[in-house]
Amino acid sequence: MRDWLFIVKPTDTTMDGDFSSKERVLELAEAVPRQEWWLARRRHMFPGDRIWIYFAAPVKEVAAVAEVVDKPYEVTGDAEYPWRFPAVLNVDATRALYRSPVPLSALSNQHPQGVPLVRDNDLQLLLKQAKL
């Protein structure tokens, strides 16, 4: 199992037709936790991997977590985000992170880009805050 940092920019990233604020992602975790996530490039994700959702604005923080349920697959007709993968938001962990998010300043990766792997020295903090 690997842990990924999935960067969400609420001003230009949408999920199910709505802006992806941490409030909206918490609502989805509680109502429709399985979501299709979009990728600009293929990542070698596998079922059981986790994605830690980092909200790049308005406050830079990790405030949700989901589990990958299938490998990324390619879609046609979307040049900007040609890859998708299904993941299920962990409602309890997302609630815990929503109440007590991990600020970017607490992570060793101060400039995350793309969808990087979570650094080993950050994982314990994320797990603790998510109560996992």
C-alpha atoms as a PDB file:
ATOM      1  CA  MET A   1       0.000   0.000   0.000  1.00  0.00           C
ATOM      2  CA  ARG A   2       1.191   3.490  -0.864  1.00  0.00           C
ATOM      3  CA  ASP A   3       0.029   6.896   0.282  1.00  0.00           C
ATOM      4  CA  TRP A   4      -0.463   9.722  -2.194  1.00  0.00           C
ATOM      5  CA  LEU A   5      -0.972  13.453  -1.708  1.00  0.00           C
ATOM      6  CA  PHE A   6      -3.853  14.493  -3.978  1.00  0.00           C
ATOM      7  CA  ILE A   7      -3.864  18.257  -4.480  1.00  0.00           C
ATOM      8  CA  VAL A   8      -7.234  19.973  -4.814  1.00  0.00           C
ATOM      9  CA  LYS A   9      -7.613  23.585  -5.879  1.00  0.00           C
ATOM     10  CA  PRO A  10     -11.195  24.447  -4.923  1.00  0.00           C
ATOM     11  CA  THR A  11     -11.364  27.333  -7.370  1.00  0.00           C
ATOM     12  CA  ASP A  12     -10.756  25.193 -10.442  1.00  0.00           C
ATOM     13  CA  THR A  13     -11.156  21.546  -9.410  1.00  0.00           C
ATOM     14  CA  THR A  14     -14.632  20.076  -9.453  1.00  0.00           C
ATOM     15  CA  MET A  15     -16.092  16.799  -8.287  1.00  0.00           C
ATOM     16  CA  ASP A  16     -19.660  15.829  -9.220  1.00  0.00           C
ATOM     17  CA  GLY A  17     -20.204  19.286 -10.710  1.00  0.00           C
ATOM     18  CA  ASP A  18     -19.487  21.250  -7.518  1.00  0.00           C
ATOM     19  CA  PHE A  19     -16.430  23.099  -6.285  1.00  0.00           C
ATOM     20  CA  SER A  20     -14.180  20.911  -4.148  1.00  0.00           C
ATOM     21  CA  SER A  21     -14.014  22.771  -0.860  1.00  0.00           C
ATOM     22  CA  LYS A  22     -13.207  20.795   2.255  1.00  0.00           C
ATOM     23  CA  GLU A  23     -16.838  21.301   3.304  1.00  0.00           C
ATOM     24  CA  ARG A  24     -18.073  19.799   0.030  1.00  0.00           C
ATOM     25  CA  VAL A  25     -15.699  16.834   0.291  1.00  0.00           C
ATOM     26  CA  LEU A  26     -16.923  16.156   3.846  1.00  0.00           C
ATOM     27  CA  GLU A  27     -20.521  16.241   2.548  1.00  0.00           C
ATOM     28  CA  LEU A  28     -19.575  13.744  -0.155  1.00  0.00           C
ATOM     29  CA  ALA A  29     -17.864  11.490   2.399  1.00  0.00           C
ATOM     30  CA  GLU A  30     -21.078  11.409   4.414  1.00  0.00           C
ATOM     31  CA  ALA A  31     -23.497  11.037   1.485  1.00  0.00           C
ATOM     32  CA  VAL A  32     -21.736   9.523  -1.558  1.00  0.00           C
ATOM     33  CA  PRO A  33     -18.253   8.412  -0.483  1.00  0.00           C
ATOM     34  CA  ARG A  34     -17.303   6.638  -3.717  1.00  0.00           C
ATOM     35  CA  GLN A  35     -16.047   9.167  -6.250  1.00  0.00           C
ATOM     36  CA  GLU A  36     -14.190   9.157  -9.540  1.00  0.00           C
ATOM     37  CA  TRP A  37     -11.016  11.205  -9.119  1.00  0.00           C
ATOM     38  CA  TRP A  38      -9.332  12.869 -12.076  1.00  0.00           C
ATOM     39  CA  LEU A  39      -5.636  12.819 -12.992  1.00  0.00           C
ATOM     40  CA  ALA A  40      -3.664  14.791 -15.543  1.00  0.00           C
ATOM     41  CA  ARG A  41      -1.125  11.956 -15.762  1.00  0.00           C
ATOM     42  CA  ARG A  42      -1.210   8.264 -15.069  1.00  0.00           C
ATOM     43  CA  ARG A  43      -0.115   7.256 -11.586  1.00  0.00           C
ATOM     44  CA  HIS A  44       0.685   3.693 -10.583  1.00  0.00           C
ATOM     45  CA  MET A  45      -2.023   3.474  -7.951  1.00  0.00           C
ATOM     46  CA  PHE A  46      -3.489   0.196  -6.800  1.00  0.00           C
ATOM     47  CA  PRO A  47      -6.506  -0.867  -4.750  1.00  0.00           C
ATOM     48  CA  GLY A  48      -5.785  -0.245  -1.085  1.00  0.00           C
ATOM     49  CA  ASP A  49      -3.587   2.809  -1.684  1.00  0.00           C
ATOM     50  CA  ARG A  50      -4.675   5.936   0.166  1.00  0.00           C
ATOM     51  CA  ILE A  51      -5.048   9.446  -1.162  1.00  0.00           C
ATOM     52  CA  TRP A  52      -4.655  12.262   1.320  1.00  0.00           C
ATOM     53  CA  ILE A  53      -6.569  15.265   0.015  1.00  0.00           C
ATOM     54  CA  TYR A  54      -4.593  18.472   0.291  1.00  0.00           C
ATOM     55  CA  PHE A  55      -6.645  21.638  -0.172  1.00  0.00           C
ATOM     56  CA  ALA A  56      -4.393  24.271  -1.746  1.00  0.00           C
ATOM     57  CA  ALA A  57      -6.780  27.166  -0.989  1.00  0.00           C
ATOM     58  CA  PRO A  58      -8.008  29.098   0.902  1.00  0.00           C
ATOM     59  CA  VAL A  59      -5.989  27.440   3.712  1.00  0.00           C
ATOM     60  CA  LYS A  60      -3.208  25.025   2.742  1.00  0.00           C
ATOM     61  CA  GLU A  61      -4.084  21.826   4.628  1.00  0.00           C
ATOM     62  CA  VAL A  62      -4.796  18.103   4.382  1.00  0.00           C
ATOM     63  CA  ALA A  63      -8.417  17.663   5.416  1.00  0.00           C
ATOM     64  CA  ALA A  64      -9.698  14.375   3.890  1.00  0.00           C
ATOM     65  CA  VAL A  65      -8.597  10.859   3.017  1.00  0.00           C
ATOM     66  CA  ALA A  66      -9.866   8.169   0.645  1.00  0.00           C
ATOM     67  CA  GLU A  67      -8.942   4.626  -0.337  1.00  0.00           C
ATOM     68  CA  VAL A  68      -8.274   3.709  -3.954  1.00  0.00           C
ATOM     69  CA  VAL A  69     -10.569   0.868  -5.066  1.00  0.00           C
ATOM     70  CA  ASP A  70      -9.278   0.260  -8.604  1.00  0.00           C
ATOM     71  CA  LYS A  71      -6.341   1.164 -10.858  1.00  0.00           C
ATOM     72  CA  PRO A  72      -6.419   4.383 -12.889  1.00  0.00           C
ATOM     73  CA  TYR A  73      -7.946   4.012 -16.334  1.00  0.00           C
ATOM     74  CA  GLU A  74      -7.688   6.198 -19.383  1.00  0.00           C
ATOM     75  CA  VAL A  75     -10.658   8.068 -20.840  1.00  0.00           C
ATOM     76  CA  THR A  76     -10.916   9.635 -24.267  1.00  0.00           C
ATOM     77  CA  GLY A  77     -12.028  13.153 -24.982  1.00  0.00           C
ATOM     78  CA  ASP A  78     -10.438  14.897 -21.979  1.00  0.00           C
ATOM     79  CA  ALA A  79      -7.013  16.243 -22.904  1.00  0.00           C
ATOM     80  CA  GLU A  80      -6.523  17.983 -19.554  1.00  0.00           C
ATOM     81  CA  TYR A  81      -7.484  15.055 -17.255  1.00  0.00           C
ATOM     82  CA  PRO A  82      -7.326  11.851 -19.322  1.00  0.00           C
ATOM     83  CA  TRP A  83      -7.058   9.488 -16.324  1.00  0.00           C
ATOM     84  CA  ARG A  84      -9.645   8.527 -13.697  1.00  0.00           C
ATOM     85  CA  PHE A  85      -9.620   6.256 -10.692  1.00  0.00           C
ATOM     86  CA  PRO A  86     -12.332   5.318  -8.208  1.00  0.00           C
ATOM     87  CA  ALA A  87     -11.755   5.898  -4.510  1.00  0.00           C
ATOM     88  CA  VAL A  88     -13.953   5.818  -1.428  1.00  0.00           C
ATOM     89  CA  LEU A  89     -13.721   8.658   1.059  1.00  0.00           C
ATOM     90  CA  ASN A  90     -13.151   7.398   4.602  1.00  0.00           C
ATOM     91  CA  VAL A  91     -15.936   9.221   6.445  1.00  0.00           C
ATOM     92  CA  ASP A  92     -14.559   8.858   9.985  1.00  0.00           C
ATOM     93  CA  ALA A  93     -11.009   9.829   9.030  1.00  0.00           C
ATOM     94  CA  THR A  94     -12.280  12.702   6.872  1.00  0.00           C
ATOM     95  CA  ARG A  95     -14.372  13.995   9.780  1.00  0.00           C
ATOM     96  CA  ALA A  96     -11.316  13.834  12.051  1.00  0.00           C
ATOM     97  CA  LEU A  97      -9.167  15.675   9.495  1.00  0.00           C
ATOM     98  CA  TYR A  98     -11.916  18.216   8.852  1.00  0.00           C
ATOM     99  CA  ARG A  99     -11.972  19.046  12.578  1.00  0.00           C
ATOM    100  CA  SER A 100      -8.185  18.969  12.909  1.00  0.00           C
ATOM    101  CA  PRO A 101      -6.533  19.339   9.504  1.00  0.00           C
ATOM    102  CA  VAL A 102      -2.810  18.964   8.935  1.00  0.00           C
ATOM    103  CA  PRO A 103      -1.390  22.312   7.792  1.00  0.00           C
ATOM    104  CA  LEU A 104       1.105  22.391   4.945  1.00  0.00           C
ATOM    105  CA  SER A 105       3.601  23.972   7.326  1.00  0.00           C
ATOM    106  CA  ALA A 106       3.651  20.700   9.332  1.00  0.00           C
ATOM    107  CA  LEU A 107       4.656  18.595   6.300  1.00  0.00           C
ATOM    108  CA  SER A 108       8.183  18.133   5.020  1.00  0.00           C
ATOM    109  CA  ASN A 109       6.982  18.580   1.416  1.00  0.00           C
ATOM    110  CA  GLN A 110       6.393  22.328   1.489  1.00  0.00           C
ATOM    111  CA  HIS A 111       5.811  22.613  -2.277  1.00  0.00           C
ATOM    112  CA  PRO A 112       3.701  19.644  -3.398  1.00  0.00           C
ATOM    113  CA  GLN A 113       3.046  19.409  -7.125  1.00  0.00           C
ATOM    114  CA  GLY A 114       1.163  16.893  -9.189  1.00  0.00           C
ATOM    115  CA  VAL A 115       0.163  13.818  -7.178  1.00  0.00           C
ATOM    116  CA  PRO A 116       3.288  12.915  -5.191  1.00  0.00           C
ATOM    117  CA  LEU A 117       3.790  10.046  -2.799  1.00  0.00           C
ATOM    118  CA  VAL A 118       3.492  11.047   0.854  1.00  0.00           C
ATOM    119  CA  ARG A 119       6.907  11.241   2.447  1.00  0.00           C
ATOM    120  CA  ASP A 120       7.554   8.648   5.140  1.00  0.00           C
ATOM    121  CA  ASN A 121       8.213  11.271   7.823  1.00  0.00           C
ATOM    122  CA  ASP A 122       4.784  12.892   7.126  1.00  0.00           C
ATOM    123  CA  LEU A 123       2.723   9.705   7.166  1.00  0.00           C
ATOM    124  CA  GLN A 124       2.689   9.226  10.948  1.00  0.00           C
ATOM    125  CA  LEU A 125       1.332  12.754  11.471  1.00  0.00           C
ATOM    126  CA  LEU A 126      -1.388  12.238   8.858  1.00  0.00           C
ATOM    127  CA  LEU A 127      -2.409   8.890  10.347  1.00  0.00           C
ATOM    128  CA  LYS A 128      -2.540  10.386  13.849  1.00  0.00           C
ATOM    129  CA  GLN A 129      -4.686  13.357  12.787  1.00  0.00           C
ATOM    130  CA  ALA A 130      -7.020  11.053  10.829  1.00  0.00           C
ATOM    131  CA  LYS A 131      -7.261   8.689  13.839  1.00  0.00           C
ATOM    132  CA  LEU A 132      -6.160   5.726  11.707  1.00  0.00           C
END
